[in-house]
Amino acid sequence: MKAGTREERSGVVDQLMTLFDQGVGIIRWIAQPSLAQFMLRLALAVPFWKSGILKWNGFLQLNDTAIYLFTEEFKLHLPGGPYDFPAPAAMAFLSGCGEIIFPVLLVLGFGTRFAALGLLFMTCIVELTVPDGWPIHLTWAAMALGIMAWGPGRLSVDYALGRLPGLCASNASNA
């Protein structure tokens, strides 16, 4: 049996390349950058929000468990340690506030890069507290850095504010 001619093989390759290009086009249509940026913000916000809501009994009222954890259970794993958290009640309060405020800002896309920076800092503290959790902490850090680098995208308050007349035009281009 004789193999196909050079033209037939070239035609098959062209058809495969066309099919490949169409597939890539569909993937790009699905994975719009602004949708990816929104999903990144949402994915980073969820674990912090879920942790944050467990720390409160009411408006600005930490529950006893949150304070107990920072007083008795959580330790900073630094060289020569582990060490107790300084001012554990204050740390519990700040942690609880950050875990509520930063995720809300991220989901809205308001002050997004600063919110991501706050969660990156919190991730570093969490890593020092629970060093065996590094695989998930690395994921959180990567998401925060991605948000800080590429901004919130078009599906955000930051982008909308940047489009208002009289505001810094670089906001819209960086969103």
N, C-alpha and C. Protein backbone atom coordinates (compact mmCIF):
# COMPACT_ATOMS: atom_id res chain seq x y z
N MET A 1 0.84 -1.16 0.00
CA MET A 1 0.00 0.00 0.00
C MET A 1 0.89 1.23 0.00
N LYS A 2 0.53 2.16 -0.81
CA LYS A 2 1.35 3.35 -0.99
C LYS A 2 0.85 4.47 -0.07
N ALA A 3 1.80 5.12 0.58
CA ALA A 3 1.45 6.23 1.46
C ALA A 3 0.90 7.37 0.62
N GLY A 4 0.11 8.27 1.28
CA GLY A 4 -0.50 9.39 0.57
C GLY A 4 0.55 10.32 -0.01
N THR A 5 0.12 11.06 -0.98
CA THR A 5 1.04 12.00 -1.62
C THR A 5 1.36 13.14 -0.67
N ARG A 6 2.36 13.88 -1.06
CA ARG A 6 2.79 15.01 -0.25
C ARG A 6 1.66 16.03 -0.10
N GLU A 7 0.90 16.25 -1.15
CA GLU A 7 -0.21 17.19 -1.11
C GLU A 7 -1.30 16.72 -0.15
N GLU A 8 -1.57 15.41 -0.14
CA GLU A 8 -2.60 14.89 0.77
C GLU A 8 -2.16 15.06 2.22
N ARG A 9 -0.89 14.77 2.50
CA ARG A 9 -0.39 14.95 3.87
C ARG A 9 -0.43 16.42 4.25
N SER A 10 -0.06 17.31 3.36
CA SER A 10 -0.09 18.73 3.63
C SER A 10 -1.52 19.19 3.91
N GLY A 11 -2.48 18.66 3.16
CA GLY A 11 -3.89 19.00 3.38
C GLY A 11 -4.37 18.55 4.75
N VAL A 12 -3.95 17.36 5.18
CA VAL A 12 -4.33 16.85 6.49
C VAL A 12 -3.71 17.72 7.58
N VAL A 13 -2.45 18.07 7.41
CA VAL A 13 -1.78 18.93 8.39
C VAL A 13 -2.48 20.29 8.45
N ASP A 14 -2.83 20.85 7.31
CA ASP A 14 -3.54 22.13 7.29
C ASP A 14 -4.88 22.03 8.01
N GLN A 15 -5.60 20.94 7.79
CA GLN A 15 -6.89 20.74 8.46
C GLN A 15 -6.70 20.61 9.98
N LEU A 16 -5.67 19.87 10.39
CA LEU A 16 -5.39 19.74 11.82
C LEU A 16 -5.01 21.07 12.44
N MET A 17 -4.21 21.85 11.73
CA MET A 17 -3.81 23.17 12.24
C MET A 17 -5.01 24.10 12.33
N THR A 18 -5.90 24.04 11.37
CA THR A 18 -7.12 24.85 11.40
C THR A 18 -7.98 24.43 12.58
N LEU A 19 -8.13 23.14 12.79
CA LEU A 19 -8.91 22.62 13.92
C LEU A 19 -8.28 23.05 15.24
N PHE A 20 -6.97 22.97 15.31
CA PHE A 20 -6.23 23.40 16.50
C PHE A 20 -6.46 24.88 16.76
N ASP A 21 -6.34 25.71 15.72
CA ASP A 21 -6.55 27.14 15.87
C ASP A 21 -7.97 27.46 16.32
N GLN A 22 -8.95 26.73 15.79
CA GLN A 22 -10.33 26.94 16.22
C GLN A 22 -10.50 26.56 17.70
N GLY A 23 -9.85 25.48 18.11
CA GLY A 23 -9.91 25.07 19.52
C GLY A 23 -9.31 26.12 20.44
N VAL A 24 -8.17 26.65 20.03
CA VAL A 24 -7.53 27.71 20.82
C VAL A 24 -8.43 28.94 20.88
N GLY A 25 -9.08 29.26 19.77
CA GLY A 25 -10.00 30.40 19.76
C GLY A 25 -11.16 30.21 20.73
N ILE A 26 -11.71 29.00 20.79
CA ILE A 26 -12.80 28.70 21.73
C ILE A 26 -12.30 28.82 23.16
N ILE A 27 -11.11 28.29 23.43
CA ILE A 27 -10.54 28.38 24.78
C ILE A 27 -10.33 29.83 25.19
N ARG A 28 -9.81 30.65 24.27
CA ARG A 28 -9.61 32.07 24.57
C ARG A 28 -10.93 32.79 24.80
N TRP A 29 -11.97 32.39 24.07
CA TRP A 29 -13.28 33.01 24.25
C TRP A 29 -13.83 32.67 25.64
N ILE A 30 -13.63 31.43 26.08
CA ILE A 30 -14.11 31.00 27.40
C ILE A 30 -13.30 31.68 28.50
N ALA A 31 -12.00 31.69 28.36
CA ALA A 31 -11.10 32.20 29.40
C ALA A 31 -10.74 33.66 29.17
N GLN A 32 -11.74 34.51 29.12
CA GLN A 32 -11.50 35.94 28.98
C GLN A 32 -10.64 36.42 30.15
N PRO A 33 -9.66 37.28 29.91
CA PRO A 33 -8.80 37.74 31.01
C PRO A 33 -9.58 38.32 32.18
N SER A 34 -10.61 39.11 31.92
CA SER A 34 -11.36 39.70 33.03
C SER A 34 -12.10 38.64 33.84
N LEU A 35 -12.59 37.62 33.18
CA LEU A 35 -13.24 36.52 33.91
C LEU A 35 -12.20 35.76 34.74
N ALA A 36 -11.04 35.52 34.17
CA ALA A 36 -9.98 34.82 34.90
C ALA A 36 -9.55 35.65 36.12
N GLN A 37 -9.43 36.97 35.95
CA GLN A 37 -9.05 37.84 37.06
C GLN A 37 -10.12 37.84 38.15
N PHE A 38 -11.39 37.85 37.76
CA PHE A 38 -12.47 37.80 38.74
C PHE A 38 -12.44 36.47 39.49
N MET A 39 -12.27 35.38 38.78
CA MET A 39 -12.25 34.07 39.42
C MET A 39 -11.05 33.94 40.36
N LEU A 40 -9.94 34.53 39.99
CA LEU A 40 -8.76 34.53 40.86
C LEU A 40 -9.05 35.29 42.15
N ARG A 41 -9.71 36.43 42.02
CA ARG A 41 -10.08 37.21 43.21
C ARG A 41 -11.03 36.43 44.09
N LEU A 42 -12.02 35.80 43.49
CA LEU A 42 -13.00 35.02 44.23
C LEU A 42 -12.35 33.83 44.93
N ALA A 43 -11.48 33.12 44.20
CA ALA A 43 -10.83 31.93 44.76
C ALA A 43 -9.95 32.28 45.96
N LEU A 44 -9.30 33.43 45.93
CA LEU A 44 -8.48 33.84 47.07
C LEU A 44 -9.35 34.33 48.22
N ALA A 45 -10.46 34.97 47.92
CA ALA A 45 -11.32 35.52 48.96
C ALA A 45 -12.00 34.45 49.80
N VAL A 46 -12.44 33.38 49.17
CA VAL A 46 -13.28 32.38 49.85
C VAL A 46 -12.63 31.77 51.10
N PRO A 47 -11.41 31.23 51.05
CA PRO A 47 -10.90 30.59 52.27
C PRO A 47 -10.69 31.58 53.42
N PHE A 48 -10.31 32.81 53.10
CA PHE A 48 -10.12 33.79 54.16
C PHE A 48 -11.47 34.21 54.75
N TRP A 49 -12.47 34.43 53.90
CA TRP A 49 -13.81 34.78 54.37
C TRP A 49 -14.36 33.69 55.28
N LYS A 50 -14.24 32.42 54.84
CA LYS A 50 -14.76 31.31 55.64
C LYS A 50 -14.08 31.23 57.00
N SER A 51 -12.80 31.50 57.04
CA SER A 51 -12.09 31.51 58.33
C SER A 51 -12.51 32.72 59.16
N GLY A 52 -12.68 33.85 58.50
CA GLY A 52 -13.02 35.08 59.22
C GLY A 52 -14.38 35.05 59.88
N ILE A 53 -15.37 34.49 59.21
CA ILE A 53 -16.72 34.50 59.81
C ILE A 53 -16.81 33.61 61.05
N LEU A 54 -15.87 32.68 61.18
CA LEU A 54 -15.87 31.82 62.36
C LEU A 54 -15.32 32.50 63.60
N LYS A 55 -14.72 33.65 63.43
CA LYS A 55 -14.08 34.35 64.55
C LYS A 55 -15.00 35.33 65.27
N TRP A 56 -16.19 35.57 64.76
CA TRP A 56 -17.03 36.64 65.29
C TRP A 56 -18.35 36.13 65.86
N ASN A 57 -18.78 36.77 66.97
CA ASN A 57 -20.12 36.53 67.53
C ASN A 57 -21.09 37.60 67.07
N GLY A 58 -20.59 38.75 66.75
CA GLY A 58 -21.40 39.88 66.31
C GLY A 58 -20.48 40.97 65.84
N PHE A 59 -21.05 42.13 65.58
CA PHE A 59 -20.26 43.24 65.05
C PHE A 59 -19.15 43.61 66.03
N LEU A 60 -17.92 43.46 65.60
CA LEU A 60 -16.72 43.74 66.37
C LEU A 60 -16.65 43.00 67.70
N GLN A 61 -17.30 41.82 67.76
CA GLN A 61 -17.24 40.99 68.95
C GLN A 61 -16.61 39.65 68.59
N LEU A 62 -15.32 39.52 68.93
CA LEU A 62 -14.64 38.25 68.70
C LEU A 62 -15.23 37.18 69.61
N ASN A 63 -15.26 35.97 69.11
CA ASN A 63 -15.71 34.89 69.98
C ASN A 63 -14.53 34.40 70.82
N ASP A 64 -14.85 33.67 71.87
CA ASP A 64 -13.82 33.18 72.79
C ASP A 64 -12.86 32.22 72.10
N THR A 65 -13.36 31.47 71.13
CA THR A 65 -12.52 30.50 70.44
C THR A 65 -11.39 31.19 69.69
N ALA A 66 -11.68 32.29 69.03
CA ALA A 66 -10.65 33.00 68.28
C ALA A 66 -9.53 33.47 69.21
N ILE A 67 -9.91 34.03 70.33
CA ILE A 67 -8.90 34.51 71.29
C ILE A 67 -8.14 33.33 71.87
N TYR A 68 -8.83 32.26 72.21
CA TYR A 68 -8.18 31.06 72.75
C TYR A 68 -7.14 30.52 71.76
N LEU A 69 -7.51 30.44 70.48
CA LEU A 69 -6.58 29.91 69.49
C LEU A 69 -5.29 30.72 69.43
N PHE A 70 -5.42 32.04 69.42
CA PHE A 70 -4.22 32.88 69.34
C PHE A 70 -3.45 32.91 70.67
N THR A 71 -4.14 32.58 71.76
CA THR A 71 -3.48 32.57 73.07
C THR A 71 -2.79 31.23 73.34
N GLU A 72 -3.49 30.13 73.06
CA GLU A 72 -3.01 28.82 73.47
C GLU A 72 -2.53 27.91 72.34
N GLU A 73 -3.18 27.94 71.21
CA GLU A 73 -2.91 26.96 70.16
C GLU A 73 -1.94 27.46 69.10
N PHE A 74 -2.18 28.63 68.55
CA PHE A 74 -1.35 29.13 67.46
C PHE A 74 0.01 29.57 67.99
N LYS A 75 1.05 29.14 67.31
CA LYS A 75 2.42 29.52 67.65
C LYS A 75 3.14 29.92 66.37
N LEU A 76 4.09 30.84 66.50
CA LEU A 76 4.91 31.25 65.37
C LEU A 76 6.12 30.32 65.30
N HIS A 77 6.25 29.61 64.20
CA HIS A 77 7.34 28.65 64.02
C HIS A 77 8.51 29.34 63.34
N LEU A 78 9.29 29.99 64.18
CA LEU A 78 10.50 30.68 63.74
C LEU A 78 11.71 29.93 64.30
N PRO A 79 12.88 30.20 63.76
CA PRO A 79 14.07 29.53 64.31
C PRO A 79 14.18 29.72 65.82
N GLY A 80 14.41 28.63 66.53
CA GLY A 80 14.50 28.66 67.99
C GLY A 80 13.15 28.58 68.67
N GLY A 81 12.07 28.52 67.88
CA GLY A 81 10.71 28.52 68.42
C GLY A 81 10.14 27.14 68.54
N PRO A 82 8.87 26.99 68.65
CA PRO A 82 7.83 27.98 68.36
C PRO A 82 7.64 29.00 69.50
N TYR A 83 7.12 30.17 69.08
CA TYR A 83 6.89 31.27 70.00
C TYR A 83 5.41 31.62 70.05
N ASP A 84 4.99 32.12 71.22
CA ASP A 84 3.62 32.62 71.35
C ASP A 84 3.44 33.87 70.50
N PHE A 85 2.20 34.11 70.08
CA PHE A 85 1.88 35.35 69.39
C PHE A 85 1.95 36.50 70.38
N PRO A 86 2.55 37.62 69.97
CA PRO A 86 2.50 38.79 70.85
C PRO A 86 1.07 39.36 70.83
N ALA A 87 0.61 39.83 71.95
CA ALA A 87 -0.74 40.42 72.07
C ALA A 87 -1.77 39.55 71.36
N PRO A 88 -2.03 38.34 71.85
CA PRO A 88 -2.89 37.40 71.13
C PRO A 88 -4.32 37.92 70.88
N ALA A 89 -4.89 38.66 71.80
CA ALA A 89 -6.25 39.18 71.57
C ALA A 89 -6.24 40.20 70.43
N ALA A 90 -5.23 41.04 70.40
CA ALA A 90 -5.11 42.02 69.31
C ALA A 90 -4.86 41.31 67.99
N MET A 91 -4.02 40.29 68.00
CA MET A 91 -3.75 39.52 66.77
C MET A 91 -5.02 38.83 66.28
N ALA A 92 -5.80 38.27 67.19
CA ALA A 92 -7.05 37.63 66.81
C ALA A 92 -8.01 38.65 66.20
N PHE A 93 -8.08 39.83 66.80
CA PHE A 93 -8.95 40.88 66.28
C PHE A 93 -8.51 41.33 64.89
N LEU A 94 -7.21 41.60 64.74
CA LEU A 94 -6.69 42.04 63.44
C LEU A 94 -6.88 40.96 62.37
N SER A 95 -6.62 39.72 62.75
CA SER A 95 -6.80 38.61 61.82
C SER A 95 -8.27 38.51 61.39
N GLY A 96 -9.16 38.57 62.37
CA GLY A 96 -10.59 38.49 62.06
C GLY A 96 -11.06 39.63 61.17
N CYS A 97 -10.56 40.83 61.42
CA CYS A 97 -10.91 41.98 60.57
C CYS A 97 -10.39 41.80 59.16
N GLY A 98 -9.12 41.42 59.05
CA GLY A 98 -8.52 41.22 57.73
C GLY A 98 -9.23 40.13 56.94
N GLU A 99 -9.63 39.06 57.63
CA GLU A 99 -10.28 37.94 56.95
C GLU A 99 -11.70 38.26 56.49
N ILE A 100 -12.25 39.35 56.97
CA ILE A 100 -13.57 39.79 56.51
C ILE A 100 -13.42 40.93 55.49
N ILE A 101 -12.63 41.92 55.82
CA ILE A 101 -12.53 43.12 54.97
C ILE A 101 -11.83 42.83 53.64
N PHE A 102 -10.67 42.19 53.67
CA PHE A 102 -9.92 41.95 52.43
C PHE A 102 -10.69 41.11 51.42
N PRO A 103 -11.35 40.02 51.85
CA PRO A 103 -12.13 39.26 50.86
C PRO A 103 -13.27 40.06 50.23
N VAL A 104 -13.94 40.88 51.03
CA VAL A 104 -15.02 41.70 50.48
C VAL A 104 -14.46 42.66 49.43
N LEU A 105 -13.35 43.31 49.76
CA LEU A 105 -12.71 44.21 48.79
C LEU A 105 -12.29 43.48 47.53
N LEU A 106 -11.76 42.26 47.70
CA LEU A 106 -11.34 41.48 46.53
C LEU A 106 -12.51 41.14 45.62
N VAL A 107 -13.59 40.66 46.21
CA VAL A 107 -14.74 40.26 45.39
C VAL A 107 -15.31 41.47 44.65
N LEU A 108 -15.38 42.60 45.33
CA LEU A 108 -15.87 43.82 44.68
C LEU A 108 -14.86 44.37 43.68
N GLY A 109 -13.61 44.05 43.87
CA GLY A 109 -12.56 44.62 43.02
C GLY A 109 -12.32 46.07 43.38
N PHE A 110 -12.32 46.37 44.66
CA PHE A 110 -12.15 47.73 45.15
C PHE A 110 -10.89 47.78 46.02
N GLY A 111 -9.93 48.61 45.64
CA GLY A 111 -8.64 48.61 46.35
C GLY A 111 -8.00 47.24 46.23
N THR A 112 -8.17 46.65 45.07
CA THR A 112 -7.88 45.23 44.86
C THR A 112 -6.43 44.87 45.13
N ARG A 113 -5.52 45.62 44.58
CA ARG A 113 -4.10 45.28 44.77
C ARG A 113 -3.70 45.39 46.24
N PHE A 114 -4.25 46.36 46.95
CA PHE A 114 -3.94 46.51 48.38
C PHE A 114 -4.57 45.37 49.19
N ALA A 115 -5.78 44.97 48.83
CA ALA A 115 -6.43 43.84 49.50
C ALA A 115 -5.62 42.56 49.28
N ALA A 116 -5.15 42.37 48.05
CA ALA A 116 -4.33 41.19 47.75
C ALA A 116 -3.02 41.24 48.54
N LEU A 117 -2.43 42.41 48.66
CA LEU A 117 -1.21 42.56 49.46
C LEU A 117 -1.48 42.19 50.92
N GLY A 118 -2.62 42.64 51.45
CA GLY A 118 -3.00 42.29 52.82
C GLY A 118 -3.14 40.78 53.00
N LEU A 119 -3.76 40.12 52.04
CA LEU A 119 -3.93 38.66 52.14
C LEU A 119 -2.60 37.94 51.92
N LEU A 120 -1.72 38.51 51.12
CA LEU A 120 -0.38 37.92 50.97
C LEU A 120 0.36 37.99 52.31
N PHE A 121 0.28 39.12 52.97
CA PHE A 121 0.91 39.26 54.29
C PHE A 121 0.30 38.26 55.27
N MET A 122 -1.02 38.15 55.28
CA MET A 122 -1.68 37.20 56.18
C MET A 122 -1.27 35.76 55.85
N THR A 123 -1.12 35.47 54.56
CA THR A 123 -0.68 34.14 54.15
C THR A 123 0.70 33.83 54.72
N CYS A 124 1.58 34.81 54.72
CA CYS A 124 2.91 34.61 55.30
C CYS A 124 2.83 34.30 56.79
N ILE A 125 1.96 35.01 57.51
CA ILE A 125 1.77 34.75 58.93
C ILE A 125 1.16 33.36 59.15
N VAL A 126 0.19 33.01 58.32
CA VAL A 126 -0.42 31.68 58.43
C VAL A 126 0.64 30.61 58.19
N GLU A 127 1.50 30.82 57.22
CA GLU A 127 2.57 29.85 56.93
C GLU A 127 3.50 29.69 58.12
N LEU A 128 3.80 30.78 58.81
CA LEU A 128 4.64 30.70 60.00
C LEU A 128 3.92 30.00 61.15
N THR A 129 2.59 30.04 61.12
CA THR A 129 1.79 29.41 62.17
C THR A 129 1.53 27.94 61.88
N VAL A 130 1.29 27.61 60.62
CA VAL A 130 0.99 26.24 60.21
C VAL A 130 1.93 25.87 59.06
N PRO A 131 3.20 25.59 59.38
CA PRO A 131 4.17 25.36 58.31
C PRO A 131 3.89 24.14 57.44
N ASP A 132 3.17 23.16 57.96
CA ASP A 132 2.86 21.98 57.14
C ASP A 132 1.81 22.27 56.08
N GLY A 133 1.18 23.43 56.14
CA GLY A 133 0.16 23.78 55.15
C GLY A 133 0.72 24.48 53.93
N TRP A 134 2.03 24.40 53.73
CA TRP A 134 2.67 25.16 52.65
C TRP A 134 2.09 24.92 51.27
N PRO A 135 1.59 23.71 50.91
CA PRO A 135 1.05 23.60 49.54
C PRO A 135 -0.13 24.54 49.27
N ILE A 136 -1.04 24.66 50.23
CA ILE A 136 -2.18 25.55 50.02
C ILE A 136 -1.75 27.00 50.21
N HIS A 137 -0.82 27.26 51.11
CA HIS A 137 -0.35 28.63 51.32
C HIS A 137 0.39 29.13 50.10
N LEU A 138 1.12 28.25 49.44
CA LEU A 138 1.80 28.61 48.19
C LEU A 138 0.78 29.00 47.12
N THR A 139 -0.33 28.28 47.07
CA THR A 139 -1.40 28.60 46.13
C THR A 139 -2.00 29.97 46.44
N TRP A 140 -2.27 30.24 47.72
CA TRP A 140 -2.80 31.55 48.10
C TRP A 140 -1.82 32.66 47.72
N ALA A 141 -0.55 32.44 48.00
CA ALA A 141 0.46 33.46 47.68
C ALA A 141 0.52 33.70 46.18
N ALA A 142 0.45 32.64 45.39
CA ALA A 142 0.48 32.79 43.93
C ALA A 142 -0.73 33.58 43.44
N MET A 143 -1.91 33.29 44.00
CA MET A 143 -3.11 34.03 43.61
C MET A 143 -2.98 35.51 43.98
N ALA A 144 -2.51 35.78 45.20
CA ALA A 144 -2.35 37.17 45.64
C ALA A 144 -1.36 37.91 44.75
N LEU A 145 -0.24 37.27 44.44
CA LEU A 145 0.75 37.91 43.57
C LEU A 145 0.20 38.14 42.16
N GLY A 146 -0.58 37.19 41.65
CA GLY A 146 -1.20 37.36 40.34
C GLY A 146 -2.15 38.55 40.33
N ILE A 147 -2.94 38.69 41.37
CA ILE A 147 -3.86 39.82 41.46
C ILE A 147 -3.09 41.13 41.57
N MET A 148 -2.03 41.12 42.37
CA MET A 148 -1.22 42.32 42.52
C MET A 148 -0.55 42.69 41.20
N ALA A 149 -0.10 41.71 40.45
CA ALA A 149 0.61 41.96 39.19
C ALA A 149 -0.33 42.39 38.07
N TRP A 150 -1.46 41.70 37.90
CA TRP A 150 -2.33 41.93 36.75
C TRP A 150 -3.57 42.73 37.06
N GLY A 151 -3.79 43.06 38.32
CA GLY A 151 -4.92 43.89 38.69
C GLY A 151 -6.23 43.13 38.72
N PRO A 152 -7.30 43.87 38.97
CA PRO A 152 -8.60 43.23 39.18
C PRO A 152 -9.34 42.87 37.90
N GLY A 153 -8.98 43.44 36.78
CA GLY A 153 -9.71 43.20 35.54
C GLY A 153 -10.89 44.14 35.38
N ARG A 154 -11.60 43.95 34.29
CA ARG A 154 -12.71 44.86 33.95
C ARG A 154 -13.94 44.65 34.82
N LEU A 155 -14.07 43.48 35.43
CA LEU A 155 -15.22 43.19 36.29
C LEU A 155 -14.91 43.63 37.72
N SER A 156 -14.70 44.93 37.90
CA SER A 156 -14.29 45.43 39.21
C SER A 156 -14.69 46.89 39.38
N VAL A 157 -14.83 47.27 40.64
CA VAL A 157 -15.08 48.67 40.97
C VAL A 157 -13.86 49.51 40.59
N ASP A 158 -12.66 48.98 40.82
CA ASP A 158 -11.45 49.72 40.45
C ASP A 158 -11.46 50.11 38.97
N TYR A 159 -11.83 49.18 38.12
CA TYR A 159 -11.86 49.46 36.68
C TYR A 159 -12.91 50.53 36.39
N ALA A 160 -14.10 50.40 36.98
CA ALA A 160 -15.17 51.38 36.75
C ALA A 160 -14.75 52.77 37.22
N LEU A 161 -14.12 52.83 38.38
CA LEU A 161 -13.66 54.13 38.89
C LEU A 161 -12.58 54.72 37.99
N GLY A 162 -11.72 53.88 37.47
CA GLY A 162 -10.66 54.34 36.59
C GLY A 162 -11.18 54.89 35.27
N ARG A 163 -12.40 54.53 34.91
CA ARG A 163 -13.00 55.00 33.66
C ARG A 163 -13.74 56.32 33.83
N LEU A 164 -13.92 56.77 35.08
CA LEU A 164 -14.62 58.03 35.32
C LEU A 164 -13.76 59.20 34.87
N PRO A 165 -14.37 60.20 34.27
CA PRO A 165 -13.60 61.38 33.85
C PRO A 165 -12.96 62.06 35.05
N GLY A 166 -11.73 62.50 34.86
CA GLY A 166 -11.04 63.21 35.92
C GLY A 166 -10.24 62.35 36.85
N LEU A 167 -10.43 61.04 36.79
CA LEU A 167 -9.62 60.16 37.64
C LEU A 167 -8.42 59.69 36.85
N CYS A 168 -7.44 59.18 37.55
CA CYS A 168 -6.19 58.73 36.93
C CYS A 168 -6.46 57.72 35.82
N ALA A 169 -6.08 58.03 34.60
CA ALA A 169 -6.32 57.15 33.45
C ALA A 169 -5.51 55.88 33.54
N SER A 170 -4.42 55.87 34.31
CA SER A 170 -3.60 54.65 34.39
C SER A 170 -4.34 53.55 35.14
N ASN A 171 -5.32 53.90 35.97
CA ASN A 171 -6.11 52.88 36.66
C ASN A 171 -6.82 51.98 35.69
N ALA A 172 -7.44 52.55 34.69
CA ALA A 172 -8.21 51.75 33.72
C ALA A 172 -7.30 50.86 32.90
N SER A 173 -6.14 51.37 32.53
CA SER A 173 -5.25 50.56 31.71
C SER A 173 -4.60 49.44 32.50
N ASN A 174 -4.44 49.63 33.81
CA ASN A 174 -3.81 48.60 34.64
C ASN A 174 -4.81 47.61 35.20
N ALA A 175 -6.09 47.91 35.10
CA ALA A 175 -7.09 47.00 35.66
C ALA A 175 -7.19 45.80 34.77
